[in-house]
Amino acid sequence: MICVKSKQLEKYVDEQLTPLESRQLEEHVAGCSYCRNLLHMKLEDLQEFEVVLNEIPPLPDSFTYEIESKIKEKELTDLENRRKKKGLHIMKKLTIAAAGLTAAVSLGIFVSPTFASYVNSLFNDKGIKTAAENGFTQKLDMKAMDKGITIEVKEILADPLQIALIIDAKDKEGKKLTVDDLQEIECFLTDKSENKKFERTDYPATGWSFGPHDDYIIITREMNDLFNEQNPMPDDMFVHLNFHKIGNTEGKWQFKIPVDMKKASAATKLISINKEYTSLQGLSFNFKNIEFLPSATRITLETKQTKEWKEKTQKISKERGFRDDLNNLKEGDDFTPFYAAHALKSTGFAYQLLDEQGNVIVARDNVLRQIGIQKNENPISGLGAKELPDGSTKHFDLFLPIKDKKLLTLKLYAIYTNEVTDFQARLNLANLSKNPVTQKDTFGNTFTFKDFTLRERDEYRQGNRKDIIKVKDGVIKFEATLAKDIVDTDVWSAKDDTGKGYRAYPDYPGYWDDNKTVITKDENGLVHLSGEIYINKIGHQPKELTLSYHIVKKQHRDVDWKVDIPLGK
C-alpha cells in the first residue's frame, strides 16, 4: 500500500516544505513504515550515511533508549550542505522514535454522503461505507475572512480513532489555496469548558497532519496518544484552528469547532482480555483487549523479549563483530555491522482471528517487506507499534468492522526471528549473462545472479531542482529459493574489485513503485524470488563485484496459543 503522504518526501529532502509541514512530515514518517523505507532510500541517494534501523517495527525492547543516549553523546557533524543536514535530522529523529506510535488509520475511516464527494476517490472500502451509513460526521460550513482570504471548515468526522476536517481556502480573487500556502497554523483540542487543553499522553505521537485532496485540504488528528484509561475521552470537545499566515499574508483566521463524540462512543465496545503467553523463542505476549468501533476493529497486544533471548543475541553480536553504537563512525564508513546488530535484535509475529467455524476473519503478519507472502486479512491500515518505558512494545492493529459474531478466537500463527548467516557471491560482471553465478548460504538459501546492467536516473544536487545531475545504479537480475522456514534476507552490501563498498537493495514490493521482484510460495512452503538487486550509485561496471547479506528471517510455527473472545449480545 502506497502512503498518500509519500509524495511529500521529495519536497522534504529538497527543503521545499514550510517549517510546519516539515515537522508534521517528520512526525508522520516516525509512524509510517512505507514512508520510512522510502525516505531511507532517498537519503542514500545523497551519499549520506544514516542512523536508522533496517527492520521496521516492532523493534528490540531497549532500542529507543540505547540510540537516544548514543546520539546525545555523539553529535553527527561535517555535513556538506543544508539538504544533507535536513536528511540526517529526520533520520536521527526516526532512530529515536523508530518504535513510536504507528496506530495510523486511513484518513477517511468514516464518511457521510457529503464528505464522500471530497474523498471518495481516495477511500473506498467497507470500513468507510459502514461508518458512512451510520452518519459519523458533522456538517459545519464555518467561515473566517481576513485580508481578502477566506477559509472555510466544511465538515468534521469524529471517532475514538481520530478527528478529520475538510478545509476550503480561497484568495481574494476566489482562487483555491493549497496546503503549501498554510504557513503558520496552531491546532489543539480542549474540553467543553475550554479550561483543559489536551496534551499528548504518550511519546512519540503523530500529532496533527495536513494533506491535499483535489481542491480541498484535509486536517487530521489521531487520538491514541491523547486519551487513555486515566485520561478518558470526553463526550464533547472543541478543535481550535488558528491560522496566522497564509502564503505571504499575515492575519487571523480562527475557528472553535465543536466535536460531539457521544454517538461514536456509544457505538464503541471494549472487551478486556489480558491473557499472556511466552514462546519457545523467547517472545512474551499479552493480549490486552479488542475494541469494536463504528469504523474498525482494533486489537491491542503487548510483546516483550525475555532476558535469555536478549543475552543470546548480544553474545552472537559480539562474536560476529556487530556493533550497537555509533562511536567513531563517520560518513563513508561501513555501517553494515550497525545494521546487522539491530536487525538481529528484531522479532516479529503473525496471528489470526477465527470465528465459531474456524474461518479466518482477520489476520496480521508483520513480515512487511515480503508483501507477496503476507497473511494479512482485512486490514484497514498499516500495523502500529510503540515502545513502552518497561521495554515492552504495544501493538495496535486495525481491521475492518466485525459484525454478527458470537465468539471469536485469537490464534498465534507464527514467530519471526532474525538469524545470522554467511553469504558471499563473487561475480565476474562481464561474463555474468553468459555464466550466471549460483551460491548458497549456511541455511541453504540459494541465489542465482544472471546479469548486470547500469541504469541512469536524475538526481537533484544541493536541493536545487534546476541543478540536475545524472547518476547510475547497478542492477543485477537474480532468482532465489529460500530454505525451509526462511522468508527473507536482509542487510545486503556490495564491494567492487578495488574494495570500495556500496549499499545494495533487493527490489522488494513496497520498496519501489515499479518493483520488478516477484515473491511466491510453493506447495512445500518454500519462498521463491525473481527480480532485481540495486547497487546504489556505483556509477560504472567494475570487473568484479562481491554481493553479501548477513541476516535471514526465520518463521517459527511451533507456537500454541489460542484465546477465546466471548462477544455476548
Protein backbone atom coordinates (compact mmCIF):
# COMPACT_ATOMS: atom_id res chain seq x y z
CA MET A 1 0.00 0.00 0.00
CA ILE A 2 1.49 3.33 -1.08
CA CYS A 3 1.10 6.07 1.52
CA VAL A 4 -0.65 9.22 0.34
CA LYS A 5 1.97 11.33 2.09
CA SER A 6 4.94 9.72 0.34
CA LYS A 7 4.89 12.35 -2.42
CA GLN A 8 5.94 14.97 0.14
CA LEU A 9 9.26 13.23 0.87
CA GLU A 10 10.97 14.63 -2.23
CA LYS A 11 9.95 18.15 -1.21
CA TYR A 12 11.19 17.49 2.31
CA VAL A 13 14.64 16.35 1.19
CA ASP A 14 14.86 19.28 -1.25
CA GLU A 15 13.88 21.79 1.51
CA GLN A 16 10.69 22.84 -0.26
CA LEU A 17 8.33 22.36 2.70
CA THR A 18 7.45 25.02 5.22
CA PRO A 19 8.80 24.54 8.76
CA LEU A 20 5.33 23.49 9.89
CA GLU A 21 4.96 20.97 7.06
CA SER A 22 8.42 19.61 7.79
CA ARG A 23 7.59 19.00 11.45
CA GLN A 24 4.33 17.35 10.53
CA LEU A 25 6.00 15.10 7.97
CA GLU A 26 8.70 14.12 10.47
CA GLU A 27 6.03 13.02 12.92
CA HIS A 28 4.17 11.13 10.20
CA VAL A 29 7.28 9.29 8.99
CA ALA A 30 8.02 8.19 12.56
CA GLY A 31 4.82 6.17 12.37
CA CYS A 32 4.72 5.11 8.71
CA SER A 33 6.90 2.19 7.68
CA TYR A 34 6.34 2.77 3.96
CA CYS A 35 7.50 6.40 4.11
CA ARG A 36 10.38 5.44 6.42
CA ASN A 37 11.69 2.91 3.90
CA LEU A 38 11.20 5.34 1.01
CA LEU A 39 12.99 8.15 2.85
CA HIS A 40 15.77 5.74 3.78
CA MET A 41 16.48 5.18 0.10
CA LYS A 42 16.15 8.85 -0.86
CA LEU A 43 18.79 9.77 1.69
CA GLU A 44 21.06 7.04 0.36
CA ASP A 45 20.89 8.93 -2.94
CA LEU A 46 22.50 11.89 -1.14
CA GLN A 47 25.59 9.72 -0.48
CA GLU A 48 24.72 10.13 3.15
CA PHE A 49 25.23 7.68 5.97
CA GLU A 50 22.11 7.02 8.00
CA VAL A 51 21.34 6.27 11.59
CA VAL A 52 18.25 4.16 11.18
CA LEU A 53 17.10 0.58 11.56
CA ASN A 54 16.85 -1.74 8.62
CA GLU A 55 13.95 -3.53 10.27
CA ILE A 56 10.61 -1.90 10.67
CA PRO A 57 8.61 -2.12 13.92
CA PRO A 58 8.30 -3.95 16.21
CA LEU A 59 11.85 -3.28 17.40
CA PRO A 60 14.04 -4.61 20.23
CA ASP A 61 13.00 -3.63 23.71
CA SER A 62 15.89 -1.33 24.56
CA PHE A 63 16.47 0.16 21.13
CA THR A 64 14.97 3.61 21.62
CA TYR A 65 16.80 4.37 24.84
CA GLU A 66 20.14 2.97 23.67
CA ILE A 67 20.17 5.01 20.48
CA GLU A 68 18.89 8.16 22.15
CA SER A 69 21.76 8.07 24.62
CA LYS A 70 24.31 7.48 21.87
CA ILE A 71 23.01 10.34 19.78
CA LYS A 72 23.25 12.64 22.77
CA GLU A 73 26.86 11.55 23.27
CA LYS A 74 27.91 11.92 19.66
CA GLU A 75 26.66 14.82 17.54
CA LEU A 76 26.78 13.99 13.86
CA THR A 77 28.75 16.69 12.08
CA ASP A 78 30.63 17.58 8.89
CA LEU A 79 27.56 17.65 6.69
CA GLU A 80 28.14 19.21 3.29
CA ASN A 81 25.04 21.35 2.94
CA ARG A 82 21.61 22.16 4.35
CA ARG A 83 20.00 19.45 2.29
CA LYS A 84 22.14 16.82 3.95
CA LYS A 85 21.54 18.36 7.35
CA LYS A 86 17.81 18.04 6.91
CA GLY A 87 18.11 14.49 5.67
CA LEU A 88 20.21 13.46 8.64
CA HIS A 89 17.98 15.34 11.07
CA ILE A 90 14.95 13.27 10.21
CA MET A 91 16.95 10.03 10.26
CA LYS A 92 18.21 10.88 13.76
CA LYS A 93 14.69 11.65 14.84
CA LEU A 94 13.37 8.44 13.32
CA THR A 95 16.08 6.40 15.00
CA ILE A 96 14.98 7.71 18.38
CA ALA A 97 11.31 7.32 17.52
CA ALA A 98 11.50 4.22 15.37
CA ALA A 99 9.44 2.21 17.83
CA GLY A 100 6.95 5.05 18.08
CA LEU A 101 3.21 5.05 17.96
CA THR A 102 2.07 3.93 14.50
CA ALA A 103 -1.56 3.03 15.03
CA ALA A 104 -2.30 5.01 11.89
CA VAL A 105 -5.67 4.75 10.21
CA SER A 106 -6.92 5.71 6.78
CA LEU A 107 -7.90 9.35 6.61
CA GLY A 108 -11.46 8.68 5.62
CA ILE A 109 -12.31 5.93 8.08
CA PHE A 110 -15.86 7.26 8.23
CA VAL A 111 -17.62 9.38 5.66
CA SER A 112 -21.02 10.97 5.25
CA PRO A 113 -22.62 11.19 1.80
CA THR A 114 -21.48 14.82 1.51
CA PHE A 115 -17.99 14.07 2.79
CA ALA A 116 -17.72 11.24 0.27
CA SER A 117 -17.82 13.79 -2.53
CA TYR A 118 -14.45 15.08 -1.30
CA VAL A 119 -12.64 11.83 -0.59
CA ASN A 120 -14.45 9.05 -2.45
CA SER A 121 -11.63 8.66 -4.98
CA LEU A 122 -9.12 8.12 -2.18
CA PHE A 123 -11.10 5.99 0.23
CA ASN A 124 -13.36 3.23 -0.96
CA ASP A 125 -13.56 0.29 1.45
CA LYS A 126 -16.07 -1.43 3.69
CA GLY A 127 -14.90 0.41 6.80
CA ILE A 128 -15.72 3.76 5.24
CA LYS A 129 -19.08 2.61 3.91
CA THR A 130 -20.08 1.12 7.25
CA ALA A 131 -19.35 4.34 9.12
CA ALA A 132 -20.93 6.47 6.42
CA GLU A 133 -24.16 4.53 6.74
CA ASN A 134 -24.17 5.32 10.47
CA GLY A 135 -23.58 9.03 9.91
CA PHE A 136 -20.44 9.68 11.94
CA THR A 137 -19.91 13.15 10.56
CA GLN A 138 -20.99 16.70 11.28
CA LYS A 139 -21.52 19.33 8.62
CA LEU A 140 -20.12 22.72 9.65
CA ASP A 141 -19.75 25.34 6.90
CA MET A 142 -17.83 27.65 9.26
CA LYS A 143 -16.03 30.59 7.62
CA ALA A 144 -13.35 33.11 8.60
CA MET A 145 -12.28 36.07 6.43
CA ASP A 146 -9.27 38.38 6.74
CA LYS A 147 -7.08 40.31 4.28
CA GLY A 148 -9.27 39.10 1.43
CA ILE A 149 -8.60 35.44 2.17
CA THR A 150 -11.46 33.12 3.12
CA ILE A 151 -11.03 29.84 4.97
CA GLU A 152 -14.00 27.51 5.37
CA VAL A 153 -14.25 24.43 7.57
CA LYS A 154 -16.81 22.37 5.71
CA GLU A 155 -17.15 19.14 7.66
CA ILE A 156 -15.76 17.21 10.62
CA LEU A 157 -15.54 13.46 11.16
CA ALA A 158 -15.30 12.24 14.75
CA ASP A 159 -14.45 8.79 16.08
CA PRO A 160 -12.38 7.46 19.02
CA LEU A 161 -9.66 6.71 16.45
CA GLN A 162 -9.23 10.19 15.03
CA ILE A 163 -10.69 13.54 14.03
CA ALA A 164 -10.66 14.70 10.41
CA LEU A 165 -11.61 18.09 8.97
CA ILE A 166 -12.22 19.26 5.40
CA ILE A 167 -10.88 22.77 4.73
CA ASP A 168 -11.53 25.04 1.75
CA ALA A 169 -9.33 28.12 1.31
CA LYS A 170 -9.56 30.89 -1.34
CA ASP A 171 -7.69 34.13 -2.00
CA LYS A 172 -9.34 37.49 -2.78
CA GLU A 173 -9.83 36.52 -6.45
CA GLY A 174 -11.55 33.30 -5.46
CA LYS A 175 -8.56 31.15 -6.43
CA LYS A 176 -8.19 27.95 -4.43
CA LEU A 177 -5.29 27.87 -1.99
CA THR A 178 -3.32 24.70 -1.28
CA VAL A 179 -1.76 23.08 1.75
CA ASP A 180 1.55 24.67 0.68
CA ASP A 181 0.04 28.09 1.41
CA LEU A 182 -0.63 27.26 5.07
CA GLN A 183 2.47 28.77 6.64
CA GLU A 184 1.62 29.17 10.32
CA ILE A 185 -1.16 27.17 11.99
CA GLU A 186 -1.97 26.44 15.62
CA CYS A 187 -4.11 23.34 16.27
CA PHE A 188 -5.21 21.91 19.61
CA LEU A 189 -8.07 20.19 21.42
CA THR A 190 -9.81 21.37 24.59
CA ASP A 191 -12.66 20.14 26.73
CA LYS A 192 -16.09 21.73 26.50
CA SER A 193 -15.26 24.34 29.14
CA GLU A 194 -12.04 25.26 27.25
CA ASN A 195 -10.20 25.18 30.57
CA LYS A 196 -8.38 21.93 29.81
CA LYS A 197 -6.08 21.68 26.83
CA PHE A 198 -5.39 18.07 25.94
CA GLU A 199 -1.70 17.22 25.69
CA ARG A 200 -0.07 14.08 24.47
CA THR A 201 -0.12 11.25 26.96
CA ASP A 202 2.41 9.10 25.11
CA TYR A 203 5.72 9.74 23.36
CA PRO A 204 6.28 9.79 20.47
CA ALA A 205 2.98 10.78 18.89
CA THR A 206 1.75 11.52 15.41
CA GLY A 207 0.15 14.90 16.11
CA TRP A 208 -1.80 16.91 13.55
CA SER A 209 -1.31 16.22 9.87
CA PHE A 210 -2.21 18.21 6.78
CA GLY A 211 -2.74 16.87 3.29
CA PRO A 212 -4.20 17.92 -0.05
CA HIS A 213 -7.00 16.24 -1.91
CA ASP A 214 -8.16 17.80 -5.16
CA ASP A 215 -9.13 21.39 -4.29
CA TYR A 216 -9.51 20.78 -0.56
CA ILE A 217 -7.24 20.42 2.46
CA ILE A 218 -7.64 17.59 4.95
CA ILE A 219 -6.53 18.13 8.56
CA THR A 220 -6.43 15.09 10.85
CA ARG A 221 -5.56 14.29 14.43
CA GLU A 222 -5.09 10.72 15.63
CA MET A 223 -6.40 10.13 19.14
CA ASN A 224 -4.39 7.21 20.50
CA ASP A 225 -1.78 9.40 22.19
CA LEU A 226 -4.29 11.82 23.73
CA PHE A 227 -6.53 9.62 25.83
CA ASN A 228 -6.20 6.51 27.97
CA GLU A 229 -7.85 4.83 30.96
CA GLN A 230 -6.53 7.50 33.34
CA ASN A 231 -7.46 10.32 30.96
CA PRO A 232 -10.64 9.21 29.15
CA MET A 233 -12.03 10.91 26.09
CA PRO A 234 -14.87 13.35 26.92
CA ASP A 235 -18.18 13.34 25.09
CA ASP A 236 -17.79 16.95 23.96
CA MET A 237 -14.66 18.80 22.88
CA PHE A 238 -13.51 21.74 20.78
CA VAL A 239 -10.99 21.70 17.96
CA HIS A 240 -9.18 25.04 17.82
CA LEU A 241 -7.69 26.04 14.47
CA ASN A 242 -5.81 29.33 14.36
CA PHE A 243 -4.28 30.31 11.02
CA HIS A 244 -1.70 33.09 11.41
CA LYS A 245 -0.15 33.23 7.94
CA ILE A 246 -1.50 32.21 4.54
CA GLY A 247 1.16 32.37 1.85
CA ASN A 248 2.88 35.71 2.45
CA THR A 249 -0.17 37.25 4.12
CA GLU A 250 -0.35 37.54 7.89
CA GLY A 251 -3.76 37.67 9.52
CA LYS A 252 -6.22 35.99 11.85
CA TRP A 253 -8.41 33.11 10.76
CA GLN A 254 -9.71 31.44 13.91
CA PHE A 255 -12.10 28.55 14.44
CA LYS A 256 -13.58 26.87 17.50
CA ILE A 257 -15.15 23.70 16.19
CA PRO A 258 -17.46 21.59 18.38
CA VAL A 259 -16.83 17.85 18.44
CA ASP A 260 -19.63 15.56 19.61
CA MET A 261 -18.26 12.11 20.45
CA LYS A 262 -21.38 10.73 22.14
CA LYS A 263 -22.72 8.76 19.18
CA ALA A 264 -19.32 7.31 18.27
CA SER A 265 -18.55 6.45 21.89
CA ALA A 266 -21.92 4.74 22.33
CA ALA A 267 -21.20 2.60 19.28
CA THR A 268 -17.81 1.53 20.65
CA LYS A 269 -17.35 -1.70 22.64
CA LEU A 270 -14.14 -2.57 24.51
CA ILE A 271 -13.51 -6.12 25.76
CA SER A 272 -10.55 -6.54 28.12
CA ILE A 273 -8.63 -9.82 27.74
CA ASN A 274 -5.20 -9.69 29.50
CA LYS A 275 -4.08 -13.22 28.58
CA GLU A 276 -0.33 -14.00 28.47
CA TYR A 277 1.95 -16.43 26.62
CA THR A 278 5.72 -16.89 26.17
CA SER A 279 7.00 -18.64 23.04
CA LEU A 280 9.92 -21.07 22.89
CA GLN A 281 11.88 -18.42 21.00
CA GLY A 282 11.71 -16.00 23.95
CA LEU A 283 8.94 -13.61 22.93
CA SER A 284 6.26 -12.89 25.55
CA PHE A 285 2.72 -11.79 24.63
CA ASN A 286 -0.09 -10.07 26.50
CA PHE A 287 -3.36 -9.88 24.58
CA LYS A 288 -4.67 -6.68 26.20
CA ASN A 289 -8.03 -6.06 24.55
CA ILE A 290 -10.16 -5.95 21.45
CA GLU A 291 -12.23 -2.90 20.57
CA PHE A 292 -15.19 -2.72 18.21
CA LEU A 293 -15.57 0.79 16.78
CA PRO A 294 -18.02 2.21 14.23
CA SER A 295 -15.41 2.08 11.50
CA ALA A 296 -12.89 -0.56 12.58
CA THR A 297 -11.91 -3.40 14.87
CA ARG A 298 -8.80 -2.66 16.94
CA ILE A 299 -6.67 -5.36 18.59
CA THR A 300 -4.09 -4.35 21.20
CA LEU A 301 -1.25 -6.63 22.25
CA GLU A 302 1.99 -6.13 24.14
CA THR A 303 5.18 -8.07 23.41
CA LYS A 304 8.46 -8.30 25.26
CA GLN A 305 11.66 -10.24 24.65
CA THR A 306 12.87 -12.42 27.51
CA LYS A 307 16.15 -11.83 29.31
CA GLU A 308 17.55 -15.12 28.00
CA TRP A 309 16.76 -14.19 24.39
CA LYS A 310 18.40 -10.78 24.71
CA GLU A 311 21.53 -12.28 26.26
CA LYS A 312 21.73 -14.78 23.41
CA THR A 313 21.56 -12.13 20.69
CA GLN A 314 24.08 -9.92 22.48
CA LYS A 315 26.52 -12.83 22.58
CA ILE A 316 26.09 -13.51 18.85
CA SER A 317 26.58 -9.83 18.00
CA LYS A 318 29.81 -9.72 19.99
CA GLU A 319 31.13 -12.88 18.35
CA ARG A 320 30.29 -11.56 14.88
CA GLY A 321 31.74 -8.11 15.41
CA PHE A 322 28.38 -6.37 15.10
CA ARG A 323 28.04 -3.07 16.95
CA ASP A 324 25.19 -1.18 18.57
CA ASP A 325 26.93 2.16 18.92
CA LEU A 326 27.87 4.94 16.51
CA ASN A 327 31.14 5.89 18.17
CA ASN A 328 33.91 6.75 15.70
CA LEU A 329 31.68 6.10 12.70
CA LYS A 330 31.66 8.83 10.09
CA GLU A 331 30.36 9.48 6.60
CA GLY A 332 31.71 6.94 4.16
CA ASP A 333 32.29 4.23 6.78
CA ASP A 334 30.74 0.78 6.53
CA PHE A 335 27.55 0.78 8.58
CA THR A 336 26.82 -2.89 7.90
CA PRO A 337 27.82 -4.03 11.44
CA PHE A 338 25.43 -1.44 12.89
CA TYR A 339 22.54 -2.51 10.66
CA ALA A 340 23.20 -6.19 11.36
CA ALA A 341 23.29 -5.71 15.14
CA HIS A 342 19.87 -4.10 15.22
CA ALA A 343 18.34 -6.43 12.64
CA LEU A 344 19.46 -9.37 14.78
CA LYS A 345 17.61 -7.96 17.80
CA SER A 346 14.32 -7.54 15.94
CA THR A 347 11.46 -10.04 16.22
CA GLY A 348 8.02 -10.32 14.67
CA PHE A 349 4.84 -12.36 14.80
CA ALA A 350 1.65 -13.26 12.97
CA TYR A 351 -1.81 -14.06 14.29
CA GLN A 352 -5.33 -14.83 13.07
CA LEU A 353 -8.79 -14.07 14.39
CA LEU A 354 -11.16 -17.00 13.83
CA ASP A 355 -14.95 -17.24 14.03
CA GLU A 356 -17.01 -20.08 15.56
CA GLN A 357 -16.49 -22.27 12.47
CA GLY A 358 -12.73 -21.70 12.39
CA ASN A 359 -12.83 -19.32 9.43
CA VAL A 360 -10.17 -16.60 9.35
CA ILE A 361 -11.93 -13.26 9.83
CA VAL A 362 -8.86 -11.04 10.13
CA ALA A 363 -5.12 -11.68 10.28
CA ARG A 364 -1.90 -9.73 10.67
CA ASP A 365 1.63 -10.58 9.61
CA ASN A 366 4.45 -8.11 10.08
CA VAL A 367 6.87 -9.52 7.52
CA LEU A 368 6.25 -6.20 5.80
CA ARG A 369 8.92 -6.42 3.12
CA GLN A 370 7.67 -9.72 1.78
CA ILE A 371 4.27 -8.45 0.71
CA GLY A 372 3.82 -11.35 -1.69
CA ILE A 373 3.60 -13.90 1.14
CA GLN A 374 1.91 -11.92 3.91
CA LYS A 375 -1.10 -13.41 5.67
CA ASN A 376 -2.83 -10.10 6.38
CA GLU A 377 -6.62 -10.30 6.05
CA ASN A 378 -9.00 -7.31 6.04
CA PRO A 379 -6.59 -4.70 7.46
CA ILE A 380 -7.63 -1.06 7.29
CA SER A 381 -4.12 0.35 7.55
CA GLY A 382 -0.53 -0.44 8.38
CA LEU A 383 0.45 -2.03 11.66
CA GLY A 384 1.06 0.25 14.62
CA ALA A 385 3.52 -0.09 17.49
CA LYS A 386 5.12 1.96 20.23
CA GLU A 387 7.76 1.19 22.81
CA LEU A 388 6.79 1.43 26.48
CA PRO A 389 9.06 2.55 29.35
CA ASP A 390 9.43 -1.02 30.66
CA GLY A 391 10.93 -2.15 27.36
CA SER A 392 7.84 -3.88 26.03
CA THR A 393 6.16 -2.94 22.75
CA LYS A 394 2.46 -2.19 22.40
CA HIS A 395 0.88 -3.11 19.07
CA PHE A 396 -2.29 -1.52 17.68
CA ASP A 397 -3.78 -3.33 14.69
CA LEU A 398 -6.82 -2.05 12.81
CA PHE A 399 -9.15 -4.22 10.75
CA LEU A 400 -12.49 -3.84 9.03
CA PRO A 401 -15.53 -3.85 11.33
CA ILE A 402 -16.63 -7.28 12.59
CA LYS A 403 -20.36 -7.90 12.97
CA ASP A 404 -22.79 -10.68 13.80
CA LYS A 405 -20.33 -12.98 15.58
CA LYS A 406 -20.98 -14.74 18.90
CA LEU A 407 -17.44 -15.99 19.52
CA LEU A 408 -14.01 -15.06 18.19
CA THR A 409 -10.67 -16.78 18.85
CA LEU A 410 -7.26 -15.16 18.56
CA LYS A 411 -4.71 -17.72 17.36
CA LEU A 412 -0.97 -17.07 17.26
CA TYR A 413 0.21 -18.21 13.83
CA ALA A 414 3.99 -17.72 13.83
CA ILE A 415 7.01 -16.07 15.44
CA TYR A 416 9.76 -14.45 13.36
CA THR A 417 13.39 -14.17 14.43
CA ASN A 418 16.42 -12.84 12.57
CA GLU A 419 19.39 -15.19 12.32
CA VAL A 420 22.97 -14.54 11.20
CA THR A 421 24.38 -16.18 8.11
CA ASP A 422 27.44 -16.02 5.86
CA PHE A 423 26.74 -15.31 2.22
CA GLN A 424 29.14 -14.02 -0.41
CA ALA A 425 28.88 -14.31 -4.16
CA ARG A 426 31.80 -13.13 -6.29
CA LEU A 427 30.53 -12.02 -9.69
CA ASN A 428 32.51 -11.56 -12.92
CA LEU A 429 30.25 -8.91 -14.37
CA ALA A 430 31.48 -9.03 -17.96
CA ASN A 431 30.54 -12.70 -18.28
CA LEU A 432 27.61 -12.79 -15.88
CA SER A 433 24.90 -13.02 -18.55
CA LYS A 434 26.65 -15.99 -20.17
CA ASN A 435 27.86 -17.57 -16.95
CA PRO A 436 25.37 -16.98 -14.12
CA VAL A 437 26.67 -17.47 -10.59
CA THR A 438 24.80 -19.66 -8.09
CA GLN A 439 25.66 -19.50 -4.39
CA LYS A 440 24.23 -20.96 -1.15
CA ASP A 441 24.44 -19.65 2.39
CA THR A 442 24.74 -21.64 5.63
CA PHE A 443 20.94 -22.14 5.81
CA GLY A 444 20.66 -23.49 2.28
CA ASN A 445 19.19 -20.36 0.68
CA THR A 446 20.17 -20.44 -2.99
CA PHE A 447 20.69 -17.33 -5.14
CA THR A 448 21.49 -17.24 -8.86
CA PHE A 449 22.76 -13.95 -10.31
CA LYS A 450 22.23 -13.65 -14.05
CA ASP A 451 23.02 -10.23 -15.46
CA PHE A 452 24.46 -6.79 -14.64
CA THR A 453 23.42 -3.51 -16.22
CA LEU A 454 23.66 0.18 -15.38
CA ARG A 455 20.51 2.24 -15.01
CA GLU A 456 20.71 6.03 -15.28
CA ARG A 457 18.44 8.33 -13.32
CA ASP A 458 18.15 12.00 -12.43
CA GLU A 459 19.18 13.43 -9.09
CA TYR A 460 18.83 16.96 -7.79
CA ARG A 461 22.02 18.40 -6.40
CA GLN A 462 22.10 20.63 -3.31
CA GLY A 463 18.32 20.79 -3.06
CA ASN A 464 18.06 22.76 -6.30
CA ARG A 465 15.62 21.28 -8.80
CA LYS A 466 17.29 23.25 -11.58
CA ASP A 467 20.63 21.58 -10.88
CA ILE A 468 20.03 18.06 -12.15
CA ILE A 469 22.79 15.51 -12.42
CA LYS A 470 22.80 12.01 -13.84
CA VAL A 471 23.69 9.08 -11.59
CA LYS A 472 24.00 5.39 -12.40
CA ASP A 473 22.87 2.48 -10.26
CA GLY A 474 23.91 -1.09 -10.85
CA VAL A 475 21.10 -3.57 -11.50
CA ILE A 476 21.63 -7.31 -11.02
CA LYS A 477 18.95 -9.77 -12.07
CA PHE A 478 18.54 -12.73 -9.74
CA GLU A 479 16.46 -15.76 -8.85
CA ALA A 480 16.35 -17.36 -5.42
CA THR A 481 14.84 -20.23 -3.50
CA LEU A 482 14.88 -19.75 0.25
CA ALA A 483 15.40 -22.66 2.62
CA LYS A 484 12.62 -24.22 4.69
CA ASP A 485 11.14 -21.73 7.19
CA ILE A 486 13.22 -18.81 5.79
CA VAL A 487 11.06 -15.95 4.48
CA ASP A 488 13.51 -13.08 3.96
CA THR A 489 17.13 -11.95 3.68
CA ASP A 490 18.47 -8.65 4.97
CA VAL A 491 21.48 -6.31 5.40
CA TRP A 492 22.84 -6.56 1.86
CA SER A 493 26.03 -4.88 0.71
CA ALA A 494 28.35 -4.90 -2.30
CA LYS A 495 32.09 -4.40 -2.78
CA ASP A 496 33.93 -3.91 -6.07
CA ASP A 497 37.36 -5.24 -7.02
CA THR A 498 39.07 -2.15 -5.56
CA GLY A 499 37.50 -2.74 -2.15
CA LYS A 500 35.01 0.14 -2.38
CA GLY A 501 31.68 -0.64 -0.71
CA TYR A 502 28.12 0.16 -1.78
CA ARG A 503 24.65 -0.31 -0.33
CA ALA A 504 22.57 -2.96 -2.07
CA TYR A 505 18.77 -3.26 -2.09
CA PRO A 506 16.67 -6.17 -3.31
CA ASP A 507 13.77 -4.66 -5.23
CA TYR A 508 11.02 -5.99 -2.97
CA PRO A 509 7.38 -4.92 -3.28
CA GLY A 510 6.70 -1.82 -1.18
CA TYR A 511 10.25 -0.50 -1.61
CA TRP A 512 9.89 0.86 -5.14
CA ASP A 513 6.83 1.98 -7.10
CA ASP A 514 7.96 -0.02 -10.15
CA ASN A 515 9.30 -3.07 -8.30
CA LYS A 516 10.32 -5.96 -10.50
CA THR A 517 10.61 -8.69 -7.87
CA VAL A 518 8.01 -11.46 -7.74
CA ILE A 519 7.64 -13.37 -4.47
CA THR A 520 5.76 -16.67 -4.32
CA LYS A 521 5.39 -19.68 -2.04
CA ASP A 522 5.22 -23.21 -3.46
CA GLU A 523 3.23 -26.24 -2.28
CA ASN A 524 6.09 -27.21 0.04
CA GLY A 525 6.11 -23.81 1.72
CA LEU A 526 9.37 -22.65 0.15
CA VAL A 527 9.69 -18.98 -0.81
CA HIS A 528 10.80 -18.19 -4.38
CA LEU A 529 12.04 -14.79 -5.57
CA SER A 530 12.75 -13.46 -9.04
CA GLY A 531 13.74 -9.86 -9.63
CA GLU A 532 16.50 -7.29 -9.29
CA ILE A 533 19.04 -6.03 -6.78
CA TYR A 534 20.10 -2.38 -6.95
CA ILE A 535 23.69 -1.30 -6.28
CA ASN A 536 23.34 2.31 -5.20
CA LYS A 537 25.22 4.84 -7.36
CA ILE A 538 28.03 2.52 -8.37
CA GLY A 539 28.50 4.64 -11.50
CA HIS A 540 30.37 2.08 -13.59
CA GLN A 541 30.72 -1.61 -14.26
CA PRO A 542 33.67 -2.98 -12.27
CA LYS A 543 35.48 -6.14 -13.26
CA GLU A 544 34.24 -7.98 -10.19
CA LEU A 545 31.57 -7.37 -7.60
CA THR A 546 31.06 -9.29 -4.36
CA LEU A 547 27.48 -9.39 -3.05
CA SER A 548 26.84 -10.20 0.61
CA TYR A 549 24.00 -10.44 3.09
CA HIS A 550 24.26 -11.12 6.81
CA ILE A 551 20.74 -11.76 8.13
CA VAL A 552 17.89 -14.13 7.32
CA LYS A 553 14.39 -14.03 8.78
CA LYS A 554 13.11 -17.36 10.05
CA GLN A 555 9.47 -18.29 10.58
CA HIS A 556 8.69 -20.48 13.62
CA ARG A 557 5.38 -22.37 13.53
CA ASP A 558 5.95 -24.25 16.82
CA VAL A 559 3.59 -21.91 18.68
CA ASP A 560 0.50 -22.98 20.59
CA TRP A 561 -1.63 -20.12 21.89
CA LYS A 562 -5.34 -19.52 21.47
CA VAL A 563 -7.55 -17.06 23.31
CA ASP A 564 -11.35 -17.19 23.11
CA ILE A 565 -13.20 -13.86 23.00
CA PRO A 566 -16.84 -14.14 24.11
CA LEU A 567 -18.77 -11.33 22.49
CA GLY A 568 -22.07 -11.70 24.31
CA LYS A 569 -25.02 -9.77 22.95
